[in-house]
Amino acid sequence: LKLSDDPDVNEVIKFLRQREVVHFQRFGEAILTHSNRF
């Protein structure tokens, strides 16, 4: 996003970036779910 000045590209990259954030959250929740086991 820092390198690109193409709005068509940036909208797609922003979506993909946000999905990485969501995935990070889901994996964090998985660790918490296994709190008793670990």
PDB file of all heavy atoms in Angstrom:
ATOM      1  N   LEU A   1       0.828  -1.212   0.000  1.00  0.00           N
ATOM      2  CA  LEU A   1       0.000   0.000   0.000  1.00  0.00           C
ATOM      3  C   LEU A   1       0.862   1.262   0.000  1.00  0.00           C
ATOM      4  O   LEU A   1       0.484   2.285  -0.600  1.00  0.00           O
ATOM      5  CB  LEU A   1      -0.935   0.003   1.206  1.00  0.00           C
ATOM      6  CG  LEU A   1      -2.113  -0.970   1.136  1.00  0.00           C
ATOM      7  CD1 LEU A   1      -2.828  -1.041   2.483  1.00  0.00           C
ATOM      8  CD2 LEU A   1      -3.095  -0.571   0.041  1.00  0.00           C
ATOM      9  N   LYS A   2       2.005   1.209   0.634  1.00  0.00           N
ATOM     10  CA  LYS A   2       2.907   2.362   0.643  1.00  0.00           C
ATOM     11  C   LYS A   2       3.547   2.586  -0.727  1.00  0.00           C
ATOM     12  O   LYS A   2       3.915   3.716  -1.064  1.00  0.00           O
ATOM     13  CB  LYS A   2       3.992   2.165   1.701  1.00  0.00           C
ATOM     14  CG  LYS A   2       3.476   2.154   3.129  1.00  0.00           C
ATOM     15  CD  LYS A   2       4.574   1.780   4.115  1.00  0.00           C
ATOM     16  CE  LYS A   2       4.025   1.652   5.535  1.00  0.00           C
ATOM     17  NZ  LYS A   2       5.055   1.186   6.503  1.00  0.00           N
ATOM     18  N   LEU A   3       3.686   1.520  -1.494  1.00  0.00           N
ATOM     19  CA  LEU A   3       4.339   1.613  -2.798  1.00  0.00           C
ATOM     20  C   LEU A   3       3.371   1.893  -3.944  1.00  0.00           C
ATOM     21  O   LEU A   3       3.770   2.405  -4.986  1.00  0.00           O
ATOM     22  CB  LEU A   3       5.091   0.306  -3.099  1.00  0.00           C
ATOM     23  CG  LEU A   3       6.282  -0.024  -2.197  1.00  0.00           C
ATOM     24  CD1 LEU A   3       6.757  -1.454  -2.468  1.00  0.00           C
ATOM     25  CD2 LEU A   3       7.419   0.973  -2.420  1.00  0.00           C
ATOM     26  N   SER A   4       2.109   1.552  -3.749  1.00  0.00           N
ATOM     27  CA  SER A   4       1.135   1.637  -4.830  1.00  0.00           C
ATOM     28  C   SER A   4       0.357   2.947  -4.795  1.00  0.00           C
ATOM     29  O   SER A   4      -0.097   3.384  -3.737  1.00  0.00           O
ATOM     30  CB  SER A   4       0.152   0.461  -4.752  1.00  0.00           C
ATOM     31  OG  SER A   4      -0.914   0.638  -5.655  1.00  0.00           O
ATOM     32  N   ASP A   5       0.184   3.554  -5.972  1.00  0.00           N
ATOM     33  CA  ASP A   5      -0.672   4.732  -6.091  1.00  0.00           C
ATOM     34  C   ASP A   5      -1.877   4.448  -6.987  1.00  0.00           C
ATOM     35  O   ASP A   5      -2.524   5.365  -7.475  1.00  0.00           O
ATOM     36  CB  ASP A   5       0.118   5.926  -6.639  1.00  0.00           C
ATOM     37  CG  ASP A   5       0.706   5.655  -8.015  1.00  0.00           C
ATOM     38  OD1 ASP A   5       0.534   4.529  -8.538  1.00  0.00           O
ATOM     39  OD2 ASP A   5       1.347   6.572  -8.577  1.00  0.00           O
ATOM     40  N   ASP A   6      -2.156   3.151  -7.196  1.00  0.00           N
ATOM     41  CA  ASP A   6      -3.275   2.740  -8.037  1.00  0.00           C
ATOM     42  C   ASP A   6      -4.475   2.418  -7.150  1.00  0.00           C
ATOM     43  O   ASP A   6      -4.458   1.426  -6.420  1.00  0.00           O
ATOM     44  CB  ASP A   6      -2.876   1.513  -8.866  1.00  0.00           C
ATOM     45  CG  ASP A   6      -3.924   1.135  -9.901  1.00  0.00           C
ATOM     46  OD1 ASP A   6      -5.126   1.352  -9.649  1.00  0.00           O
ATOM     47  OD2 ASP A   6      -3.549   0.606 -10.962  1.00  0.00           O
ATOM     48  N   PRO A   7      -5.531   3.218  -7.189  1.00  0.00           N
ATOM     49  CA  PRO A   7      -6.692   2.965  -6.311  1.00  0.00           C
ATOM     50  C   PRO A   7      -7.377   1.633  -6.589  1.00  0.00           C
ATOM     51  O   PRO A   7      -7.933   1.026  -5.668  1.00  0.00           O
ATOM     52  CB  PRO A   7      -7.622   4.151  -6.607  1.00  0.00           C
ATOM     53  CG  PRO A   7      -7.192   4.664  -7.939  1.00  0.00           C
ATOM     54  CD  PRO A   7      -5.724   4.420  -8.015  1.00  0.00           C
ATOM     55  N   ASP A   8      -7.344   1.170  -7.840  1.00  0.00           N
ATOM     56  CA  ASP A   8      -7.947  -0.124  -8.159  1.00  0.00           C
ATOM     57  C   ASP A   8      -7.221  -1.255  -7.442  1.00  0.00           C
ATOM     58  O   ASP A   8      -7.849  -2.209  -6.952  1.00  0.00           O
ATOM     59  CB  ASP A   8      -7.901  -0.367  -9.680  1.00  0.00           C
ATOM     60  CG  ASP A   8      -8.730   0.630 -10.459  1.00  0.00           C
ATOM     61  OD1 ASP A   8      -9.705   1.158  -9.889  1.00  0.00           O
ATOM     62  OD2 ASP A   8      -8.401   0.885 -11.628  1.00  0.00           O
ATOM     63  N   VAL A   9      -5.921  -1.150  -7.386  1.00  0.00           N
ATOM     64  CA  VAL A   9      -5.103  -2.153  -6.694  1.00  0.00           C
ATOM     65  C   VAL A   9      -5.253  -2.011  -5.183  1.00  0.00           C
ATOM     66  O   VAL A   9      -5.410  -2.999  -4.459  1.00  0.00           O
ATOM     67  CB  VAL A   9      -3.623  -2.028  -7.101  1.00  0.00           C
ATOM     68  CG1 VAL A   9      -2.747  -2.948  -6.259  1.00  0.00           C
ATOM     69  CG2 VAL A   9      -3.448  -2.336  -8.583  1.00  0.00           C
ATOM     70  N   ASN A  10      -5.233  -0.788  -4.714  1.00  0.00           N
ATOM     71  CA  ASN A  10      -5.237  -0.553  -3.269  1.00  0.00           C
ATOM     72  C   ASN A  10      -6.499  -1.066  -2.589  1.00  0.00           C
ATOM     73  O   ASN A  10      -6.445  -1.556  -1.458  1.00  0.00           O
ATOM     74  CB  ASN A  10      -5.055   0.934  -2.978  1.00  0.00           C
ATOM     75  CG  ASN A  10      -3.659   1.414  -3.334  1.00  0.00           C
ATOM     76  OD1 ASN A  10      -2.783   0.617  -3.650  1.00  0.00           O
ATOM     77  ND2 ASN A  10      -3.455   2.719  -3.296  1.00  0.00           N
ATOM     78  N   GLU A  11      -7.640  -0.959  -3.264  1.00  0.00           N
ATOM     79  CA  GLU A  11      -8.884  -1.458  -2.674  1.00  0.00           C
ATOM     80  C   GLU A  11      -8.808  -2.972  -2.453  1.00  0.00           C
ATOM     81  O   GLU A  11      -9.276  -3.484  -1.441  1.00  0.00           O
ATOM     82  CB  GLU A  11     -10.073  -1.098  -3.559  1.00  0.00           C
ATOM     83  CG  GLU A  11     -10.466   0.367  -3.491  1.00  0.00           C
ATOM     84  CD  GLU A  11     -10.735   0.834  -2.068  1.00  0.00           C
ATOM     85  OE1 GLU A  11     -11.565   0.200  -1.383  1.00  0.00           O
ATOM     86  OE2 GLU A  11     -10.097   1.810  -1.633  1.00  0.00           O
ATOM     87  N   VAL A  12      -8.211  -3.664  -3.393  1.00  0.00           N
ATOM     88  CA  VAL A  12      -8.063  -5.116  -3.267  1.00  0.00           C
ATOM     89  C   VAL A  12      -7.083  -5.452  -2.149  1.00  0.00           C
ATOM     90  O   VAL A  12      -7.339  -6.343  -1.315  1.00  0.00           O
ATOM     91  CB  VAL A  12      -7.592  -5.732  -4.593  1.00  0.00           C
ATOM     92  CG1 VAL A  12      -7.429  -7.242  -4.450  1.00  0.00           C
ATOM     93  CG2 VAL A  12      -8.566  -5.397  -5.716  1.00  0.00           C
ATOM     94  N   ILE A  13      -5.968  -4.740  -2.111  1.00  0.00           N
ATOM     95  CA  ILE A  13      -4.953  -4.991  -1.086  1.00  0.00           C
ATOM     96  C   ILE A  13      -5.511  -4.714   0.313  1.00  0.00           C
ATOM     97  O   ILE A  13      -5.236  -5.451   1.266  1.00  0.00           O
ATOM     98  CB  ILE A  13      -3.701  -4.135  -1.346  1.00  0.00           C
ATOM     99  CG1 ILE A  13      -3.044  -4.520  -2.682  1.00  0.00           C
ATOM    100  CG2 ILE A  13      -2.698  -4.299  -0.207  1.00  0.00           C
ATOM    101  CD1 ILE A  13      -2.601  -5.959  -2.766  1.00  0.00           C
ATOM    102  N   LYS A  14      -6.313  -3.674   0.447  1.00  0.00           N
ATOM    103  CA  LYS A  14      -6.925  -3.367   1.748  1.00  0.00           C
ATOM    104  C   LYS A  14      -7.839  -4.498   2.202  1.00  0.00           C
ATOM    105  O   LYS A  14      -7.875  -4.837   3.394  1.00  0.00           O
ATOM    106  CB  LYS A  14      -7.705  -2.055   1.663  1.00  0.00           C
ATOM    107  CG  LYS A  14      -6.827  -0.816   1.559  1.00  0.00           C
ATOM    108  CD  LYS A  14      -7.681   0.438   1.377  1.00  0.00           C
ATOM    109  CE  LYS A  14      -6.822   1.671   1.202  1.00  0.00           C
ATOM    110  NZ  LYS A  14      -7.652   2.890   0.959  1.00  0.00           N
ATOM    111  N   PHE A  15      -8.591  -5.061   1.262  1.00  0.00           N
ATOM    112  CA  PHE A  15      -9.450  -6.187   1.619  1.00  0.00           C
ATOM    113  C   PHE A  15      -8.613  -7.376   2.105  1.00  0.00           C
ATOM    114  O   PHE A  15      -8.912  -7.980   3.147  1.00  0.00           O
ATOM    115  CB  PHE A  15     -10.290  -6.618   0.415  1.00  0.00           C
ATOM    116  CG  PHE A  15     -10.979  -7.937   0.599  1.00  0.00           C
ATOM    117  CD1 PHE A  15     -12.132  -8.045   1.361  1.00  0.00           C
ATOM    118  CD2 PHE A  15     -10.439  -9.099   0.034  1.00  0.00           C
ATOM    119  CE1 PHE A  15     -12.752  -9.271   1.556  1.00  0.00           C
ATOM    120  CE2 PHE A  15     -11.055 -10.331   0.220  1.00  0.00           C
ATOM    121  CZ  PHE A  15     -12.213 -10.419   0.983  1.00  0.00           C
ATOM    122  N   LEU A  16      -7.566  -7.710   1.351  1.00  0.00           N
ATOM    123  CA  LEU A  16      -6.723  -8.840   1.733  1.00  0.00           C
ATOM    124  C   LEU A  16      -6.046  -8.594   3.075  1.00  0.00           C
ATOM    125  O   LEU A  16      -5.939  -9.511   3.906  1.00  0.00           O
ATOM    126  CB  LEU A  16      -5.669  -9.086   0.643  1.00  0.00           C
ATOM    127  CG  LEU A  16      -6.217  -9.572  -0.701  1.00  0.00           C
ATOM    128  CD1 LEU A  16      -5.127  -9.529  -1.767  1.00  0.00           C
ATOM    129  CD2 LEU A  16      -6.792 -10.979  -0.586  1.00  0.00           C
ATOM    130  N   ARG A  17      -5.614  -7.365   3.291  1.00  0.00           N
ATOM    131  CA  ARG A  17      -4.991  -7.026   4.569  1.00  0.00           C
ATOM    132  C   ARG A  17      -5.964  -7.241   5.721  1.00  0.00           C
ATOM    133  O   ARG A  17      -5.591  -7.796   6.765  1.00  0.00           O
ATOM    134  CB  ARG A  17      -4.529  -5.562   4.550  1.00  0.00           C
ATOM    135  CG  ARG A  17      -3.865  -5.114   5.839  1.00  0.00           C
ATOM    136  CD  ARG A  17      -3.784  -3.594   5.922  1.00  0.00           C
ATOM    137  NE  ARG A  17      -3.105  -3.174   7.141  1.00  0.00           N
ATOM    138  CZ  ARG A  17      -3.670  -3.124   8.351  1.00  0.00           C
ATOM    139  NH1 ARG A  17      -4.947  -3.479   8.492  1.00  0.00           N
ATOM    140  NH2 ARG A  17      -2.974  -2.738   9.408  1.00  0.00           N
ATOM    141  N   GLN A  18      -7.206  -6.816   5.537  1.00  0.00           N
ATOM    142  CA  GLN A  18      -8.191  -6.962   6.600  1.00  0.00           C
ATOM    143  C   GLN A  18      -8.473  -8.423   6.911  1.00  0.00           C
ATOM    144  O   GLN A  18      -8.697  -8.795   8.070  1.00  0.00           O
ATOM    145  CB  GLN A  18      -9.485  -6.241   6.218  1.00  0.00           C
ATOM    146  CG  GLN A  18     -10.554  -6.292   7.302  1.00  0.00           C
ATOM    147  CD  GLN A  18     -10.094  -5.689   8.623  1.00  0.00           C
ATOM    148  OE1 GLN A  18      -9.294  -4.745   8.639  1.00  0.00           O
ATOM    149  NE2 GLN A  18     -10.570  -6.223   9.733  1.00  0.00           N
ATOM    150  N   ARG A  19      -8.451  -9.260   5.911  1.00  0.00           N
ATOM    151  CA  ARG A  19      -8.673 -10.684   6.140  1.00  0.00           C
ATOM    152  C   ARG A  19      -7.522 -11.298   6.946  1.00  0.00           C
ATOM    153  O   ARG A  19      -7.737 -12.214   7.745  1.00  0.00           O
ATOM    154  CB  ARG A  19      -8.842 -11.425   4.810  1.00  0.00           C
ATOM    155  CG  ARG A  19     -10.080 -11.046   4.033  1.00  0.00           C
ATOM    156  CD  ARG A  19     -11.336 -11.126   4.877  1.00  0.00           C
ATOM    157  NE  ARG A  19     -11.577 -12.489   5.370  1.00  0.00           N
ATOM    158  CZ  ARG A  19     -12.430 -12.787   6.340  1.00  0.00           C
ATOM    159  NH1 ARG A  19     -13.112 -11.827   6.937  1.00  0.00           N
ATOM    160  NH2 ARG A  19     -12.607 -14.041   6.711  1.00  0.00           N
ATOM    161  N   GLU A  20      -6.317 -10.780   6.765  1.00  0.00           N
ATOM    162  CA  GLU A  20      -5.190 -11.260   7.571  1.00  0.00           C
ATOM    163  C   GLU A  20      -5.434 -10.920   9.038  1.00  0.00           C
ATOM    164  O   GLU A  20      -5.128 -11.717   9.929  1.00  0.00           O
ATOM    165  CB  GLU A  20      -3.870 -10.627   7.105  1.00  0.00           C
ATOM    166  CG  GLU A  20      -3.539 -10.787   5.637  1.00  0.00           C
ATOM    167  CD  GLU A  20      -3.375 -12.216   5.195  1.00  0.00           C
ATOM    168  OE1 GLU A  20      -3.238 -13.107   6.062  1.00  0.00           O
ATOM    169  OE2 GLU A  20      -3.364 -12.472   3.978  1.00  0.00           O
ATOM    170  N   VAL A  21      -5.980  -9.738   9.292  1.00  0.00           N
ATOM    171  CA  VAL A  21      -6.290  -9.334  10.666  1.00  0.00           C
ATOM    172  C   VAL A  21      -7.330 -10.279  11.274  1.00  0.00           C
ATOM    173  O   VAL A  21      -7.195 -10.729  12.413  1.00  0.00           O
ATOM    174  CB  VAL A  21      -6.801  -7.884  10.695  1.00  0.00           C
ATOM    175  CG1 VAL A  21      -7.300  -7.508  12.093  1.00  0.00           C
ATOM    176  CG2 VAL A  21      -5.707  -6.919  10.254  1.00  0.00           C
ATOM    177  N   VAL A  22      -8.358 -10.598  10.495  1.00  0.00           N
ATOM    178  CA  VAL A  22      -9.409 -11.510  10.986  1.00  0.00           C
ATOM    179  C   VAL A  22      -8.832 -12.887  11.264  1.00  0.00           C
ATOM    180  O   VAL A  22      -9.138 -13.513  12.289  1.00  0.00           O
ATOM    181  CB  VAL A  22     -10.563 -11.592   9.971  1.00  0.00           C
ATOM    182  CG1 VAL A  22     -11.559 -12.675  10.378  1.00  0.00           C
ATOM    183  CG2 VAL A  22     -11.266 -10.247   9.854  1.00  0.00           C
ATOM    184  N   HIS A  23      -7.987 -13.373  10.380  1.00  0.00           N
ATOM    185  CA  HIS A  23      -7.379 -14.691  10.591  1.00  0.00           C
ATOM    186  C   HIS A  23      -6.522 -14.692  11.854  1.00  0.00           C
ATOM    187  O   HIS A  23      -6.508 -15.667  12.611  1.00  0.00           O
ATOM    188  CB  HIS A  23      -6.516 -15.078   9.388  1.00  0.00           C
ATOM    189  CG  HIS A  23      -7.310 -15.303   8.147  1.00  0.00           C
ATOM    190  ND1 HIS A  23      -6.725 -15.423   6.902  1.00  0.00           N
ATOM    191  CD2 HIS A  23      -8.642 -15.421   7.945  1.00  0.00           C
ATOM    192  CE1 HIS A  23      -7.672 -15.603   5.995  1.00  0.00           C
ATOM    193  NE2 HIS A  23      -8.840 -15.605   6.603  1.00  0.00           N
ATOM    194  N   PHE A  24      -5.782 -13.602  12.069  1.00  0.00           N
ATOM    195  CA  PHE A  24      -4.987 -13.485  13.285  1.00  0.00           C
ATOM    196  C   PHE A  24      -5.883 -13.609  14.521  1.00  0.00           C
ATOM    197  O   PHE A  24      -5.549 -14.298  15.495  1.00  0.00           O
ATOM    198  CB  PHE A  24      -4.263 -12.138  13.294  1.00  0.00           C
ATOM    199  CG  PHE A  24      -3.417 -11.888  14.510  1.00  0.00           C
ATOM    200  CD1 PHE A  24      -2.086 -12.264  14.543  1.00  0.00           C
ATOM    201  CD2 PHE A  24      -3.954 -11.281  15.635  1.00  0.00           C
ATOM    202  CE1 PHE A  24      -1.305 -12.040  15.671  1.00  0.00           C
ATOM    203  CE2 PHE A  24      -3.186 -11.048  16.766  1.00  0.00           C
ATOM    204  CZ  PHE A  24      -1.855 -11.426  16.778  1.00  0.00           C
ATOM    205  N   GLN A  25      -7.014 -12.963  14.473  1.00  0.00           N
ATOM    206  CA  GLN A  25      -7.949 -13.028  15.598  1.00  0.00           C
ATOM    207  C   GLN A  25      -8.457 -14.450  15.817  1.00  0.00           C
ATOM    208  O   GLN A  25      -8.552 -14.925  16.952  1.00  0.00           O
ATOM    209  CB  GLN A  25      -9.116 -12.074  15.343  1.00  0.00           C
ATOM    210  CG  GLN A  25      -8.720 -10.610  15.327  1.00  0.00           C
ATOM    211  CD  GLN A  25      -9.827  -9.700  14.844  1.00  0.00           C
ATOM    212  OE1 GLN A  25     -10.804 -10.156  14.250  1.00  0.00           O
ATOM    213  NE2 GLN A  25      -9.687  -8.413  15.078  1.00  0.00           N
ATOM    214  N   ARG A  26      -8.787 -15.135  14.734  1.00  0.00           N
ATOM    215  CA  ARG A  26      -9.312 -16.499  14.866  1.00  0.00           C
ATOM    216  C   ARG A  26      -8.255 -17.434  15.462  1.00  0.00           C
ATOM    217  O   ARG A  26      -8.574 -18.293  16.291  1.00  0.00           O
ATOM    218  CB  ARG A  26      -9.755 -17.019  13.497  1.00  0.00           C
ATOM    219  CG  ARG A  26     -10.881 -16.258  12.823  1.00  0.00           C
ATOM    220  CD  ARG A  26     -12.212 -16.389  13.558  1.00  0.00           C
ATOM    221  NE  ARG A  26     -12.346 -15.426  14.635  1.00  0.00           N
ATOM    222  CZ  ARG A  26     -12.677 -14.152  14.464  1.00  0.00           C
ATOM    223  NH1 ARG A  26     -12.910 -13.685  13.260  1.00  0.00           N
ATOM    224  NH2 ARG A  26     -12.788 -13.347  15.496  1.00  0.00           N
ATOM    225  N   PHE A  27      -6.998 -17.266  15.057  1.00  0.00           N
ATOM    226  CA  PHE A  27      -5.951 -18.117  15.616  1.00  0.00           C
ATOM    227  C   PHE A  27      -5.709 -17.770  17.088  1.00  0.00           C
ATOM    228  O   PHE A  27      -5.430 -18.655  17.904  1.00  0.00           O
ATOM    229  CB  PHE A  27      -4.658 -17.978  14.821  1.00  0.00           C
ATOM    230  CG  PHE A  27      -4.698 -18.641  13.470  1.00  0.00           C
ATOM    231  CD1 PHE A  27      -4.301 -17.964  12.330  1.00  0.00           C
ATOM    232  CD2 PHE A  27      -5.146 -19.948  13.332  1.00  0.00           C
ATOM    233  CE1 PHE A  27      -4.343 -18.572  11.079  1.00  0.00           C
ATOM    234  CE2 PHE A  27      -5.195 -20.573  12.095  1.00  0.00           C
ATOM    235  CZ  PHE A  27      -4.791 -19.878  10.961  1.00  0.00           C
ATOM    236  N   GLY A  28      -5.824 -16.498  17.437  1.00  0.00           N
ATOM    237  CA  GLY A  28      -5.707 -16.123  18.846  1.00  0.00           C
ATOM    238  C   GLY A  28      -6.796 -16.755  19.680  1.00  0.00           C
ATOM    239  O   GLY A  28      -6.550 -17.248  20.788  1.00  0.00           O
ATOM    240  N   GLU A  29      -8.004 -16.769  19.163  1.00  0.00           N
ATOM    241  CA  GLU A  29      -9.113 -17.413  19.865  1.00  0.00           C
ATOM    242  C   GLU A  29      -8.888 -18.906  20.004  1.00  0.00           C
ATOM    243  O   GLU A  29      -9.261 -19.514  21.024  1.00  0.00           O
ATOM    244  CB  GLU A  29     -10.416 -17.143  19.115  1.00  0.00           C
ATOM    245  CG  GLU A  29     -10.856 -15.693  19.170  1.00  0.00           C
ATOM    246  CD  GLU A  29     -11.942 -15.354  18.169  1.00  0.00           C
ATOM    247  OE1 GLU A  29     -12.298 -16.232  17.347  1.00  0.00           O
ATOM    248  OE2 GLU A  29     -12.438 -14.223  18.192  1.00  0.00           O
ATOM    249  N   ALA A  30      -8.259 -19.518  18.993  1.00  0.00           N
ATOM    250  CA  ALA A  30      -7.988 -20.962  19.063  1.00  0.00           C
ATOM    251  C   ALA A  30      -7.028 -21.274  20.208  1.00  0.00           C
ATOM    252  O   ALA A  30      -7.188 -22.278  20.907  1.00  0.00           O
ATOM    253  CB  ALA A  30      -7.417 -21.450  17.736  1.00  0.00           C
ATOM    254  N   ILE A  31      -6.032 -20.425  20.405  1.00  0.00           N
ATOM    255  CA  ILE A  31      -5.106 -20.632  21.527  1.00  0.00           C
ATOM    256  C   ILE A  31      -5.852 -20.527  22.847  1.00  0.00           C
ATOM    257  O   ILE A  31      -5.655 -21.331  23.768  1.00  0.00           O
ATOM    258  CB  ILE A  31      -3.955 -19.610  21.465  1.00  0.00           C
ATOM    259  CG1 ILE A  31      -3.031 -19.932  20.286  1.00  0.00           C
ATOM    260  CG2 ILE A  31      -3.158 -19.612  22.773  1.00  0.00           C
ATOM    261  CD1 ILE A  31      -1.899 -18.944  20.114  1.00  0.00           C
ATOM    262  N   LEU A  32      -6.740 -19.546  22.935  1.00  0.00           N
ATOM    263  CA  LEU A  32      -7.504 -19.383  24.169  1.00  0.00           C
ATOM    264  C   LEU A  32      -8.448 -20.564  24.400  1.00  0.00           C
ATOM    265  O   LEU A  32      -8.653 -20.999  25.532  1.00  0.00           O
ATOM    266  CB  LEU A  32      -8.300 -18.081  24.118  1.00  0.00           C
ATOM    267  CG  LEU A  32      -7.465 -16.796  23.997  1.00  0.00           C
ATOM    268  CD1 LEU A  32      -8.373 -15.581  23.962  1.00  0.00           C
ATOM    269  CD2 LEU A  32      -6.478 -16.686  25.147  1.00  0.00           C
ATOM    270  N   THR A  33      -9.016 -21.084  23.337  1.00  0.00           N
ATOM    271  CA  THR A  33      -9.919 -22.235  23.445  1.00  0.00           C
ATOM    272  C   THR A  33      -9.197 -23.433  24.038  1.00  0.00           C
ATOM    273  O   THR A  33      -9.776 -24.225  24.779  1.00  0.00           O
ATOM    274  CB  THR A  33     -10.477 -22.596  22.061  1.00  0.00           C
ATOM    275  OG1 THR A  33     -11.231 -21.492  21.567  1.00  0.00           O
ATOM    276  CG2 THR A  33     -11.364 -23.823  22.127  1.00  0.00           C
ATOM    277  N   HIS A  34      -7.916 -23.556  23.733  1.00  0.00           N
ATOM    278  CA  HIS A  34      -7.129 -24.682  24.227  1.00  0.00           C
ATOM    279  C   HIS A  34      -6.431 -24.351  25.547  1.00  0.00           C
ATOM    280  O   HIS A  34      -5.460 -24.998  25.910  1.00  0.00           O
ATOM    281  CB  HIS A  34      -6.092 -25.091  23.186  1.00  0.00           C
ATOM    282  CG  HIS A  34      -6.680 -25.724  21.979  1.00  0.00           C
ATOM    283  ND1 HIS A  34      -7.376 -26.907  22.019  1.00  0.00           N
ATOM    284  CD2 HIS A  34      -6.690 -25.319  20.681  1.00  0.00           C
ATOM    285  CE1 HIS A  34      -7.784 -27.213  20.802  1.00  0.00           C
ATOM    286  NE2 HIS A  34      -7.385 -26.265  19.968  1.00  0.00           N
ATOM    287  N   SER A  35      -6.934 -23.353  26.263  1.00  0.00           N
ATOM    288  CA  SER A  35      -6.248 -22.908  27.479  1.00  0.00           C
ATOM    289  C   SER A  35      -6.108 -24.025  28.508  1.00  0.00           C
ATOM    290  O   SER A  35      -5.085 -24.132  29.178  1.00  0.00           O
ATOM    291  CB  SER A  35      -6.983 -21.718  28.092  1.00  0.00           C
ATOM    292  OG  SER A  35      -8.319 -22.080  28.426  1.00  0.00           O
ATOM    293  N   ASN A  36      -7.109 -24.853  28.660  1.00  0.00           N
ATOM    294  CA  ASN A  36      -7.013 -25.934  29.637  1.00  0.00           C
ATOM    295  C   ASN A  36      -6.011 -26.986  29.203  1.00  0.00           C
ATOM    296  O   ASN A  36      -5.233 -27.497  30.004  1.00  0.00           O
ATOM    297  CB  ASN A  36      -8.388 -26.583  29.832  1.00  0.00           C
ATOM    298  CG  ASN A  36      -9.351 -25.659  30.547  1.00  0.00           C
ATOM    299  OD1 ASN A  36      -8.935 -24.823  31.339  1.00  0.00           O
ATOM    300  ND2 ASN A  36     -10.631 -25.789  30.246  1.00  0.00           N
ATOM    301  N   ARG A  37      -6.007 -27.281  27.924  1.00  0.00           N
ATOM    302  CA  ARG A  37      -5.080 -28.293  27.414  1.00  0.00           C
ATOM    303  C   ARG A  37      -3.641 -27.797  27.485  1.00  0.00           C
ATOM    304  O   ARG A  37      -2.715 -28.534  27.744  1.00  0.00           O
ATOM    305  CB  ARG A  37      -5.441 -28.649  25.973  1.00  0.00           C
ATOM    306  CG  ARG A  37      -4.559 -29.730  25.368  1.00  0.00           C
ATOM    307  CD  ARG A  37      -4.992 -30.095  23.951  1.00  0.00           C
ATOM    308  NE  ARG A  37      -6.220 -30.862  23.941  1.00  0.00           N
ATOM    309  CZ  ARG A  37      -7.404 -30.377  23.556  1.00  0.00           C
ATOM    310  NH1 ARG A  37      -7.502 -29.137  23.139  1.00  0.00           N
ATOM    311  NH2 ARG A  37      -8.479 -31.124  23.585  1.00  0.00           N
ATOM    312  N   PHE A  38      -3.464 -26.485  27.243  1.00  0.00           N
ATOM    313  CA  PHE A  38      -2.128 -25.912  27.252  1.00  0.00           C
ATOM    314  C   PHE A  38      -1.961 -25.005  28.464  1.00  0.00           C
ATOM    315  O   PHE A  38      -1.436 -23.902  28.376  1.00  0.00           O
ATOM    316  CB  PHE A  38      -1.886 -25.088  25.985  1.00  0.00           C
ATOM    317  CG  PHE A  38      -2.103 -25.852  24.714  1.00  0.00           C
ATOM    318  CD1 PHE A  38      -2.793 -25.280  23.659  1.00  0.00           C
ATOM    319  CD2 PHE A  38      -1.629 -27.141  24.561  1.00  0.00           C
ATOM    320  CE1 PHE A  38      -2.991 -25.961  22.482  1.00  0.00           C
ATOM    321  CE2 PHE A  38      -1.828 -27.835  23.389  1.00  0.00           C
ATOM    322  CZ  PHE A  38      -2.510 -27.255  22.338  1.00  0.00           C
TER     323      PHE A  38
END
